[in-house]
N, C-alpha and C. Protein backbone atom coordinates (compact mmCIF):
# COMPACT_ATOMS: atom_id res chain seq x y z
N MET A 1 -232.10 112.22 131.95
CA MET A 1 -233.45 112.10 131.42
C MET A 1 -234.17 111.02 132.21
N PRO A 2 -235.38 111.27 132.70
CA PRO A 2 -236.10 110.28 133.47
C PRO A 2 -236.56 109.12 132.59
N THR A 3 -236.61 107.95 133.16
CA THR A 3 -237.07 106.78 132.43
C THR A 3 -238.25 106.15 133.16
N LEU A 4 -239.04 105.39 132.45
CA LEU A 4 -240.14 104.66 133.04
C LEU A 4 -239.65 103.24 133.25
N GLN A 5 -239.06 102.97 134.40
CA GLN A 5 -238.47 101.68 134.69
C GLN A 5 -239.54 100.59 134.76
N GLY A 6 -239.25 99.48 134.13
CA GLY A 6 -240.12 98.32 134.22
C GLY A 6 -241.41 98.42 133.43
N MET A 7 -241.54 99.38 132.55
CA MET A 7 -242.77 99.54 131.78
C MET A 7 -242.75 98.60 130.58
N ASP A 8 -243.75 97.76 130.47
CA ASP A 8 -243.85 96.83 129.35
C ASP A 8 -244.84 97.41 128.35
N THR A 9 -244.32 97.99 127.26
CA THR A 9 -245.20 98.67 126.30
C THR A 9 -246.03 97.70 125.48
N ARG A 10 -245.68 96.42 125.49
CA ARG A 10 -246.47 95.45 124.72
C ARG A 10 -247.86 95.27 125.31
N SER A 11 -247.98 95.44 126.63
CA SER A 11 -249.28 95.26 127.26
C SER A 11 -249.97 96.60 127.55
N THR A 12 -249.33 97.70 127.17
CA THR A 12 -249.90 99.02 127.43
C THR A 12 -250.84 99.40 126.28
N PRO A 13 -252.09 99.74 126.59
CA PRO A 13 -253.01 100.13 125.53
C PRO A 13 -252.62 101.47 124.92
N THR A 14 -253.04 101.68 123.69
CA THR A 14 -252.78 102.94 123.00
C THR A 14 -253.63 104.03 123.64
N ILE A 15 -253.04 105.20 123.83
CA ILE A 15 -253.75 106.33 124.43
C ILE A 15 -254.41 107.11 123.30
N ALA A 16 -255.73 107.26 123.38
CA ALA A 16 -256.46 107.96 122.33
C ALA A 16 -256.12 109.45 122.34
N SER A 17 -256.05 110.04 123.52
CA SER A 17 -255.71 111.46 123.64
C SER A 17 -254.85 111.64 124.88
N LEU A 18 -253.73 112.32 124.72
CA LEU A 18 -252.86 112.57 125.88
C LEU A 18 -253.54 113.47 126.89
N TYR A 19 -254.51 114.27 126.45
CA TYR A 19 -255.13 115.26 127.32
C TYR A 19 -256.31 114.72 128.13
N ASP A 20 -256.85 113.57 127.75
CA ASP A 20 -258.00 113.00 128.45
C ASP A 20 -257.55 111.81 129.29
N LEU A 21 -258.05 111.76 130.52
CA LEU A 21 -257.63 110.72 131.47
C LEU A 21 -258.83 110.32 132.31
N THR A 22 -258.95 109.03 132.59
CA THR A 22 -259.98 108.53 133.49
C THR A 22 -259.31 108.06 134.77
N LEU A 23 -259.74 108.61 135.90
CA LEU A 23 -259.17 108.27 137.19
C LEU A 23 -259.78 106.99 137.73
N ALA A 24 -259.07 106.32 138.61
CA ALA A 24 -259.56 105.08 139.21
C ALA A 24 -260.58 105.37 140.31
N ASP A 25 -260.23 106.25 141.24
CA ASP A 25 -261.12 106.54 142.37
C ASP A 25 -261.98 107.77 142.14
N GLY A 26 -261.43 108.78 141.50
CA GLY A 26 -262.17 110.00 141.22
C GLY A 26 -262.13 110.98 142.38
N LEU A 27 -262.57 112.19 142.08
CA LEU A 27 -262.62 113.25 143.08
C LEU A 27 -263.98 113.22 143.76
N PRO A 28 -264.03 112.92 145.07
CA PRO A 28 -265.33 112.86 145.76
C PRO A 28 -265.87 114.26 146.06
N VAL A 29 -267.13 114.49 145.69
CA VAL A 29 -267.79 115.78 145.91
C VAL A 29 -269.21 115.50 146.39
N GLN A 30 -269.67 116.26 147.38
CA GLN A 30 -271.04 116.15 147.87
C GLN A 30 -271.96 117.00 146.99
N SER A 31 -273.02 116.39 146.46
CA SER A 31 -273.98 117.10 145.63
C SER A 31 -275.38 116.59 145.93
N ASP A 32 -276.25 117.47 146.35
CA ASP A 32 -277.64 117.12 146.70
C ASP A 32 -277.71 116.00 147.73
N GLY A 33 -276.86 116.06 148.72
CA GLY A 33 -276.89 115.09 149.80
C GLY A 33 -276.28 113.74 149.47
N ARG A 34 -275.69 113.59 148.31
CA ARG A 34 -275.04 112.32 147.97
C ARG A 34 -273.64 112.60 147.44
N GLU A 35 -272.80 111.58 147.51
CA GLU A 35 -271.43 111.74 147.03
C GLU A 35 -271.34 111.30 145.58
N ILE A 36 -270.76 112.17 144.76
CA ILE A 36 -270.47 111.80 143.38
C ILE A 36 -268.96 111.90 143.18
N ARG A 37 -268.46 111.20 142.18
CA ARG A 37 -267.01 111.19 141.94
C ARG A 37 -266.72 111.63 140.51
N TYR A 38 -265.93 112.67 140.42
CA TYR A 38 -265.48 113.19 139.13
C TYR A 38 -264.28 112.36 138.69
N ARG A 39 -264.48 111.51 137.66
CA ARG A 39 -263.42 110.60 137.23
C ARG A 39 -262.77 111.01 135.91
N THR A 40 -263.47 111.78 135.09
CA THR A 40 -262.92 112.18 133.79
C THR A 40 -262.15 113.49 133.97
N VAL A 41 -260.91 113.51 133.52
CA VAL A 41 -260.05 114.67 133.67
C VAL A 41 -259.57 115.12 132.30
N ARG A 42 -259.62 116.42 132.06
CA ARG A 42 -259.02 117.01 130.86
C ARG A 42 -257.80 117.78 131.31
N LEU A 43 -256.65 117.41 130.77
CA LEU A 43 -255.40 118.08 131.10
C LEU A 43 -255.05 119.11 130.04
N ARG A 44 -254.15 119.99 130.36
CA ARG A 44 -253.70 121.01 129.43
C ARG A 44 -252.21 121.24 129.66
N GLU A 45 -251.58 121.88 128.69
CA GLU A 45 -250.19 122.26 128.87
C GLU A 45 -250.15 123.54 129.67
N THR A 46 -249.10 123.70 130.44
CA THR A 46 -248.97 124.88 131.27
C THR A 46 -248.14 125.94 130.54
N ASN A 47 -248.16 127.14 131.09
CA ASN A 47 -247.39 128.24 130.52
C ASN A 47 -246.59 128.93 131.62
N ILE A 48 -245.97 130.03 131.30
CA ILE A 48 -245.14 130.76 132.26
C ILE A 48 -245.97 131.23 133.46
N PHE A 49 -247.19 131.69 133.21
CA PHE A 49 -248.04 132.14 134.31
C PHE A 49 -248.28 131.00 135.30
N ASP A 50 -248.54 129.80 134.78
CA ASP A 50 -248.76 128.64 135.65
C ASP A 50 -247.52 128.33 136.48
N GLU A 51 -246.36 128.42 135.86
CA GLU A 51 -245.12 128.16 136.58
C GLU A 51 -244.89 129.19 137.69
N ARG A 52 -245.18 130.45 137.40
CA ARG A 52 -245.03 131.49 138.42
C ARG A 52 -246.00 131.27 139.58
N GLU A 53 -247.24 130.91 139.27
CA GLU A 53 -248.22 130.66 140.32
C GLU A 53 -247.81 129.44 141.17
N ALA A 54 -247.29 128.41 140.52
CA ALA A 54 -246.83 127.23 141.26
C ALA A 54 -245.64 127.59 142.15
N GLN A 55 -244.78 128.47 141.67
CA GLN A 55 -243.63 128.88 142.48
C GLN A 55 -244.08 129.68 143.69
N LYS A 56 -245.09 130.53 143.51
CA LYS A 56 -245.61 131.30 144.64
C LYS A 56 -246.16 130.38 145.73
N VAL A 57 -246.82 129.31 145.31
CA VAL A 57 -247.37 128.34 146.26
C VAL A 57 -246.24 127.64 147.02
N ALA A 58 -245.12 127.41 146.34
CA ALA A 58 -244.01 126.65 146.94
C ALA A 58 -243.05 127.51 147.75
N GLU A 59 -243.21 128.83 147.74
CA GLU A 59 -242.29 129.71 148.46
C GLU A 59 -242.62 129.74 149.95
N ARG A 60 -241.55 129.74 150.75
CA ARG A 60 -241.67 129.83 152.21
C ARG A 60 -240.58 130.77 152.72
N VAL A 61 -240.88 131.53 153.75
CA VAL A 61 -239.87 132.34 154.41
C VAL A 61 -239.30 131.50 155.55
N VAL A 62 -237.99 131.29 155.50
CA VAL A 62 -237.30 130.46 156.48
C VAL A 62 -236.19 131.29 157.11
N THR A 63 -236.00 131.15 158.41
CA THR A 63 -234.92 131.86 159.09
C THR A 63 -233.65 131.03 159.00
N VAL A 64 -232.62 131.60 158.37
CA VAL A 64 -231.33 130.94 158.21
C VAL A 64 -230.28 131.84 158.82
N GLY A 65 -229.62 131.37 159.87
CA GLY A 65 -228.60 132.19 160.54
C GLY A 65 -229.16 133.47 161.11
N GLY A 66 -230.39 133.44 161.57
CA GLY A 66 -231.01 134.61 162.14
C GLY A 66 -231.58 135.59 161.13
N GLN A 67 -231.42 135.30 159.83
CA GLN A 67 -231.92 136.18 158.78
C GLN A 67 -233.05 135.49 158.01
N PRO A 68 -234.13 136.20 157.72
CA PRO A 68 -235.21 135.59 156.93
C PRO A 68 -234.77 135.41 155.48
N ARG A 69 -235.03 134.25 154.92
CA ARG A 69 -234.70 133.94 153.53
C ARG A 69 -235.93 133.34 152.86
N LEU A 70 -236.09 133.68 151.59
CA LEU A 70 -237.19 133.11 150.81
C LEU A 70 -236.68 131.84 150.14
N MET A 71 -237.28 130.71 150.45
CA MET A 71 -236.88 129.42 149.90
C MET A 71 -238.05 128.84 149.11
N VAL A 72 -237.73 127.99 148.13
CA VAL A 72 -238.75 127.34 147.32
C VAL A 72 -238.60 125.83 147.49
N SER A 73 -239.68 125.17 147.84
CA SER A 73 -239.69 123.72 147.98
C SER A 73 -239.89 123.09 146.61
N ASP A 74 -238.94 122.27 146.17
CA ASP A 74 -239.06 121.60 144.87
C ASP A 74 -240.27 120.67 144.83
N ALA A 75 -240.50 119.94 145.92
CA ALA A 75 -241.64 119.01 145.96
C ALA A 75 -242.97 119.76 145.86
N ASP A 76 -243.10 120.87 146.62
CA ASP A 76 -244.33 121.66 146.55
C ASP A 76 -244.52 122.29 145.18
N PHE A 77 -243.41 122.71 144.55
CA PHE A 77 -243.49 123.30 143.21
C PHE A 77 -243.99 122.27 142.20
N ARG A 78 -243.42 121.05 142.22
CA ARG A 78 -243.86 120.00 141.29
C ARG A 78 -245.33 119.65 141.50
N TYR A 79 -245.74 119.55 142.77
CA TYR A 79 -247.13 119.24 143.09
C TYR A 79 -248.07 120.33 142.58
N ALA A 80 -247.72 121.59 142.85
CA ALA A 80 -248.58 122.71 142.43
C ALA A 80 -248.63 122.81 140.91
N LEU A 81 -247.51 122.58 140.24
CA LEU A 81 -247.50 122.65 138.78
C LEU A 81 -248.30 121.50 138.17
N THR A 82 -248.20 120.32 138.77
CA THR A 82 -248.99 119.17 138.30
C THR A 82 -250.48 119.49 138.38
N LEU A 83 -250.92 120.07 139.49
CA LEU A 83 -252.34 120.41 139.64
C LEU A 83 -252.78 121.49 138.66
N ARG A 84 -251.86 122.36 138.24
CA ARG A 84 -252.20 123.41 137.27
C ARG A 84 -252.38 122.83 135.87
N HIS A 85 -251.99 121.59 135.66
CA HIS A 85 -252.22 120.92 134.38
C HIS A 85 -253.69 120.51 134.22
N VAL A 86 -254.44 120.43 135.31
CA VAL A 86 -255.84 120.01 135.25
C VAL A 86 -256.68 121.18 134.74
N ASP A 87 -257.32 120.97 133.58
CA ASP A 87 -258.17 122.01 132.99
C ASP A 87 -259.59 121.92 133.55
N TRP A 88 -260.14 120.71 133.55
CA TRP A 88 -261.45 120.48 134.15
C TRP A 88 -261.63 119.01 134.48
N MET A 89 -262.62 118.74 135.33
CA MET A 89 -263.00 117.37 135.69
C MET A 89 -264.49 117.25 135.43
N GLU A 90 -264.93 116.05 135.03
CA GLU A 90 -266.32 115.87 134.64
C GLU A 90 -266.93 114.64 135.29
N CYS A 91 -268.23 114.77 135.62
CA CYS A 91 -269.02 113.66 136.14
C CYS A 91 -270.46 113.86 135.67
N ASP A 92 -270.98 112.91 134.93
CA ASP A 92 -272.36 112.96 134.43
C ASP A 92 -272.70 114.27 133.72
N GLY A 93 -271.77 114.75 132.91
CA GLY A 93 -272.00 115.97 132.14
C GLY A 93 -271.73 117.26 132.88
N ASN A 94 -271.51 117.19 134.19
CA ASN A 94 -271.18 118.39 134.98
C ASN A 94 -269.67 118.54 135.05
N LYS A 95 -269.20 119.76 134.81
CA LYS A 95 -267.75 120.00 134.81
C LYS A 95 -267.37 120.93 135.95
N LEU A 96 -266.24 120.60 136.56
CA LEU A 96 -265.58 121.49 137.51
C LEU A 96 -264.38 122.06 136.78
N HIS A 97 -264.39 123.37 136.52
CA HIS A 97 -263.30 124.00 135.78
C HIS A 97 -262.15 124.37 136.71
N SER A 98 -261.02 124.67 136.12
CA SER A 98 -259.80 124.94 136.88
C SER A 98 -259.96 126.10 137.86
N ALA A 99 -260.90 127.02 137.59
CA ALA A 99 -261.10 128.16 138.48
C ALA A 99 -261.55 127.72 139.88
N VAL A 100 -262.27 126.60 139.97
CA VAL A 100 -262.73 126.11 141.27
C VAL A 100 -261.91 124.93 141.77
N LEU A 101 -260.99 124.45 140.95
CA LEU A 101 -260.18 123.30 141.34
C LEU A 101 -258.89 123.75 142.00
N GLY A 102 -259.00 124.23 143.21
CA GLY A 102 -257.83 124.66 143.96
C GLY A 102 -257.20 123.50 144.69
N ASP A 103 -256.17 123.81 145.45
CA ASP A 103 -255.44 122.80 146.21
C ASP A 103 -256.34 122.11 147.23
N ASP A 104 -257.29 122.86 147.82
CA ASP A 104 -258.18 122.27 148.81
C ASP A 104 -259.13 121.25 148.19
N VAL A 105 -259.53 121.45 146.93
CA VAL A 105 -260.42 120.51 146.24
C VAL A 105 -259.63 119.32 145.71
N LEU A 106 -258.56 119.61 144.97
CA LEU A 106 -257.77 118.52 144.38
C LEU A 106 -257.00 117.74 145.43
N GLY A 107 -256.86 118.30 146.62
CA GLY A 107 -256.21 117.57 147.71
C GLY A 107 -257.01 116.37 148.17
N LYS A 108 -258.25 116.24 147.72
CA LYS A 108 -259.09 115.09 148.07
C LYS A 108 -258.84 113.89 147.15
N LEU A 109 -257.99 114.07 146.13
CA LEU A 109 -257.67 112.95 145.24
C LEU A 109 -256.91 111.87 145.99
N SER A 110 -257.07 110.64 145.57
CA SER A 110 -256.29 109.56 146.17
C SER A 110 -254.86 109.63 145.63
N SER A 111 -253.94 109.02 146.35
CA SER A 111 -252.54 109.00 145.91
C SER A 111 -252.42 108.30 144.56
N HIS A 112 -253.23 107.28 144.35
CA HIS A 112 -253.19 106.55 143.08
C HIS A 112 -253.61 107.45 141.92
N ASP A 113 -254.69 108.21 142.11
CA ASP A 113 -255.16 109.11 141.05
C ASP A 113 -254.16 110.23 140.78
N LEU A 114 -253.55 110.76 141.84
CA LEU A 114 -252.52 111.78 141.65
C LEU A 114 -251.35 111.20 140.85
N GLY A 115 -251.01 109.95 141.13
CA GLY A 115 -249.95 109.28 140.37
C GLY A 115 -250.31 109.13 138.90
N LEU A 116 -251.58 108.83 138.61
CA LEU A 116 -252.03 108.73 137.21
C LEU A 116 -251.89 110.08 136.50
N ILE A 117 -252.25 111.15 137.19
CA ILE A 117 -252.12 112.49 136.61
C ILE A 117 -250.65 112.82 136.38
N GLU A 118 -249.80 112.51 137.36
CA GLU A 118 -248.37 112.78 137.22
C GLU A 118 -247.76 112.03 136.04
N LYS A 119 -248.15 110.78 135.85
CA LYS A 119 -247.64 109.99 134.71
C LYS A 119 -248.07 110.61 133.39
N ARG A 120 -249.32 111.06 133.32
CA ARG A 120 -249.80 111.65 132.08
C ARG A 120 -249.13 113.01 131.81
N VAL A 121 -248.89 113.77 132.88
CA VAL A 121 -248.18 115.05 132.72
C VAL A 121 -246.76 114.79 132.21
N PHE A 122 -246.13 113.71 132.69
CA PHE A 122 -244.80 113.33 132.21
C PHE A 122 -244.85 113.05 130.70
N LEU A 123 -245.88 112.33 130.25
CA LEU A 123 -246.03 112.05 128.82
C LEU A 123 -246.27 113.33 128.02
N LEU A 124 -247.09 114.24 128.57
CA LEU A 124 -247.32 115.53 127.90
C LEU A 124 -246.01 116.31 127.74
N THR A 125 -245.19 116.27 128.77
CA THR A 125 -243.91 116.98 128.73
C THR A 125 -242.99 116.37 127.68
N LEU A 126 -242.92 115.04 127.63
CA LEU A 126 -242.08 114.37 126.63
C LEU A 126 -242.60 114.65 125.22
N ALA A 127 -243.92 114.63 125.04
CA ALA A 127 -244.49 114.90 123.72
C ALA A 127 -244.15 116.32 123.27
N ALA A 128 -244.15 117.27 124.20
CA ALA A 128 -243.77 118.65 123.86
C ALA A 128 -242.30 118.72 123.46
N GLU A 129 -241.45 117.94 124.13
CA GLU A 129 -240.03 117.92 123.76
C GLU A 129 -239.84 117.41 122.33
N VAL A 130 -240.63 116.41 121.93
CA VAL A 130 -240.56 115.89 120.56
C VAL A 130 -241.08 116.95 119.59
N ARG A 131 -242.18 117.59 119.94
CA ARG A 131 -242.79 118.61 119.07
C ARG A 131 -241.84 119.79 118.84
N TYR A 132 -241.10 120.20 119.88
CA TYR A 132 -240.19 121.33 119.75
C TYR A 132 -238.82 120.93 119.20
N GLY A 133 -238.61 119.65 118.95
CA GLY A 133 -237.36 119.21 118.35
C GLY A 133 -236.23 118.99 119.34
N ASN A 134 -236.53 119.00 120.63
CA ASN A 134 -235.50 118.76 121.64
C ASN A 134 -235.24 117.28 121.88
N MET A 135 -236.12 116.45 121.32
CA MET A 135 -236.01 115.01 121.48
C MET A 135 -236.51 114.37 120.19
N THR A 136 -235.85 113.31 119.76
CA THR A 136 -236.30 112.62 118.55
C THR A 136 -237.39 111.61 118.91
N GLN A 137 -238.10 111.18 117.90
CA GLN A 137 -239.13 110.16 118.12
C GLN A 137 -238.50 108.87 118.63
N GLU A 138 -237.29 108.56 118.14
CA GLU A 138 -236.60 107.35 118.58
C GLU A 138 -236.25 107.44 120.07
N GLN A 139 -235.82 108.63 120.52
CA GLN A 139 -235.53 108.80 121.94
C GLN A 139 -236.80 108.68 122.77
N PHE A 140 -237.91 109.24 122.28
CA PHE A 140 -239.19 109.13 122.98
C PHE A 140 -239.60 107.66 123.10
N ASP A 141 -239.49 106.93 121.99
CA ASP A 141 -239.84 105.51 122.02
C ASP A 141 -238.96 104.72 122.98
N ALA A 142 -237.67 105.08 123.03
CA ALA A 142 -236.75 104.40 123.96
C ALA A 142 -237.15 104.65 125.41
N VAL A 143 -237.55 105.88 125.72
CA VAL A 143 -238.00 106.19 127.08
C VAL A 143 -239.25 105.38 127.40
N MET A 144 -240.16 105.26 126.45
CA MET A 144 -241.40 104.51 126.69
C MET A 144 -241.12 103.02 126.88
N ARG A 145 -240.04 102.53 126.32
CA ARG A 145 -239.65 101.12 126.52
C ARG A 145 -238.85 100.93 127.80
N GLY A 146 -238.54 102.05 128.51
CA GLY A 146 -237.81 101.95 129.76
C GLY A 146 -236.31 101.92 129.57
N GLN A 147 -235.84 102.27 128.39
CA GLN A 147 -234.41 102.27 128.13
C GLN A 147 -233.82 103.63 128.51
N GLU A 148 -232.54 103.60 128.87
CA GLU A 148 -231.86 104.85 129.20
C GLU A 148 -231.56 105.61 127.92
N VAL A 149 -231.81 106.90 127.94
CA VAL A 149 -231.58 107.74 126.77
C VAL A 149 -230.43 108.68 127.08
N LYS A 150 -229.42 108.67 126.23
CA LYS A 150 -228.30 109.59 126.41
C LYS A 150 -228.68 110.94 125.82
N PRO A 151 -228.32 112.02 126.52
CA PRO A 151 -228.65 113.35 125.99
C PRO A 151 -227.89 113.63 124.70
N THR A 152 -228.49 114.46 123.86
CA THR A 152 -227.84 114.87 122.62
C THR A 152 -226.60 115.67 122.95
N GLN A 153 -225.52 115.41 122.22
CA GLN A 153 -224.28 116.12 122.48
C GLN A 153 -224.43 117.60 122.17
N ALA A 154 -223.97 118.42 123.07
CA ALA A 154 -223.99 119.87 122.87
C ALA A 154 -222.82 120.25 121.98
N PRO A 155 -222.91 121.35 121.27
CA PRO A 155 -221.78 121.79 120.45
C PRO A 155 -220.55 122.00 121.33
N GLN A 156 -219.40 121.62 120.82
CA GLN A 156 -218.16 121.77 121.56
C GLN A 156 -217.60 123.17 121.37
N PRO A 157 -216.89 123.70 122.37
CA PRO A 157 -216.36 125.06 122.23
C PRO A 157 -215.28 125.13 121.16
N VAL A 158 -215.27 126.23 120.43
CA VAL A 158 -214.25 126.48 119.42
C VAL A 158 -213.67 127.86 119.66
N GLY A 159 -212.53 128.14 119.07
CA GLY A 159 -211.90 129.43 119.25
C GLY A 159 -210.45 129.26 119.58
N PRO A 160 -209.83 130.31 120.08
CA PRO A 160 -208.39 130.25 120.32
C PRO A 160 -207.99 129.33 121.46
N THR A 161 -208.93 128.91 122.32
CA THR A 161 -208.58 128.06 123.44
C THR A 161 -208.72 126.58 123.15
N THR A 162 -209.15 126.20 121.92
CA THR A 162 -209.35 124.78 121.64
C THR A 162 -208.06 123.99 121.63
N GLY A 163 -206.96 124.62 121.21
CA GLY A 163 -205.70 123.88 121.15
C GLY A 163 -204.66 124.39 122.13
N VAL A 164 -205.11 125.03 123.21
CA VAL A 164 -204.17 125.59 124.18
C VAL A 164 -203.32 124.46 124.75
N GLY A 165 -202.01 124.68 124.77
CA GLY A 165 -201.10 123.68 125.30
C GLY A 165 -200.46 122.85 124.23
N ALA A 166 -201.12 122.72 123.07
CA ALA A 166 -200.55 121.91 122.01
C ALA A 166 -199.33 122.61 121.40
N ASN A 167 -199.47 123.84 121.04
CA ASN A 167 -198.35 124.61 120.49
C ASN A 167 -198.55 126.06 120.92
N ALA A 168 -198.27 126.33 122.19
CA ALA A 168 -198.59 127.62 122.78
C ALA A 168 -197.75 128.76 122.22
N ALA A 169 -196.63 128.47 121.57
CA ALA A 169 -195.76 129.55 121.07
C ALA A 169 -196.32 130.21 119.84
N GLU A 170 -197.17 129.53 119.09
CA GLU A 170 -197.70 130.10 117.85
C GLU A 170 -199.05 130.76 118.11
N PRO A 171 -199.26 131.96 117.57
CA PRO A 171 -200.57 132.61 117.73
C PRO A 171 -201.63 131.87 116.91
N GLU A 172 -202.87 131.90 117.42
CA GLU A 172 -203.97 131.23 116.74
C GLU A 172 -204.93 132.27 116.19
N SER A 173 -205.77 131.85 115.27
CA SER A 173 -206.75 132.77 114.71
C SER A 173 -207.85 133.05 115.72
N GLY A 174 -208.52 134.13 115.51
CA GLY A 174 -209.62 134.48 116.39
C GLY A 174 -209.19 135.50 117.41
N PRO A 175 -210.12 135.94 118.26
CA PRO A 175 -209.77 136.96 119.24
C PRO A 175 -208.79 136.41 120.27
N THR A 176 -207.87 137.25 120.69
CA THR A 176 -206.89 136.84 121.68
C THR A 176 -207.47 137.05 123.07
N LEU A 177 -207.43 136.01 123.85
CA LEU A 177 -207.93 136.07 125.22
C LEU A 177 -206.76 136.03 126.18
N LEU A 178 -206.93 136.65 127.33
CA LEU A 178 -205.89 136.64 128.34
C LEU A 178 -205.56 135.20 128.74
N ALA A 179 -206.57 134.34 128.78
CA ALA A 179 -206.35 132.95 129.16
C ALA A 179 -205.48 132.23 128.15
N THR A 180 -205.46 132.70 126.91
CA THR A 180 -204.65 132.05 125.88
C THR A 180 -203.17 132.14 126.23
N TYR A 181 -202.76 133.22 126.83
CA TYR A 181 -201.34 133.43 127.12
C TYR A 181 -201.03 133.36 128.60
N ALA A 182 -201.87 132.76 129.37
CA ALA A 182 -201.63 132.65 130.81
C ALA A 182 -200.36 131.84 131.05
N GLY A 183 -199.47 132.39 131.85
CA GLY A 183 -198.25 131.69 132.20
C GLY A 183 -197.12 131.86 131.20
N ALA A 184 -197.34 132.59 130.11
CA ALA A 184 -196.29 132.81 129.12
C ALA A 184 -196.34 134.26 128.68
N GLY A 185 -195.27 134.76 128.16
CA GLY A 185 -195.23 136.13 127.66
C GLY A 185 -196.03 136.24 126.38
N ALA A 186 -196.48 137.44 126.06
CA ALA A 186 -197.22 137.68 124.83
C ALA A 186 -196.30 137.45 123.63
N PRO A 187 -196.83 136.96 122.47
CA PRO A 187 -195.99 136.68 121.33
C PRO A 187 -195.39 137.91 120.68
N GLY A 188 -195.83 139.07 121.02
CA GLY A 188 -195.29 140.29 120.41
C GLY A 188 -195.42 141.46 121.36
N ALA A 189 -194.88 142.59 120.98
CA ALA A 189 -194.98 143.77 121.80
C ALA A 189 -196.41 144.29 121.81
N ALA A 190 -196.83 144.83 122.92
CA ALA A 190 -198.15 145.40 123.03
C ALA A 190 -198.28 146.63 122.16
N GLN A 191 -199.39 146.76 121.47
CA GLN A 191 -199.62 147.91 120.62
C GLN A 191 -200.43 148.94 121.36
N SER A 192 -200.19 150.20 121.03
CA SER A 192 -201.01 151.25 121.63
C SER A 192 -201.18 152.37 120.63
N ASP A 193 -202.16 153.20 120.88
CA ASP A 193 -202.42 154.33 120.00
C ASP A 193 -201.51 155.51 120.32
N ALA A 194 -200.85 155.47 121.48
CA ALA A 194 -200.00 156.60 121.89
C ALA A 194 -198.71 156.59 121.07
N ALA A 195 -198.25 157.77 120.67
CA ALA A 195 -197.03 157.83 119.87
C ALA A 195 -195.87 158.33 120.66
């Protein structure tokens, strides 16, 4: 689980809305012969369609051993998916909606502003994990304090293989698996329908 190393939550202001963000530099756009900067950003949660579109952007055909292979760049995928979180940007009441905010437009953002968007997307993702019950509020708070969070223990396997080796001569309840008797003879004669 990723952590926010070195984050001091005592000096961090409360966020009024996870979806609204103000950029430091803003997106520079030429309008009526002058440059304006779109600094207000509205973010949104992504869906499967957004993930597929981000994957398409990150796909490249690469020749490996003389054969063409389709590869996906993880860095390009994360970048494209982060940009798909932007719903609109605003400056002086004018909005640029996601339909016009392509890679060529958002590529004009400063590295600092892109980092601000990435941090907020990380918070949106963690908040969704809490909402869906995959993470507790205590785990979320620990991540925000920069503490390491141990993943929740997954259910342990049960069945006839749980005690294999302890007393292999005795049959166990449940379906019999070939692995249960590996290396030893079956406890009884094989049954068949043939007479």
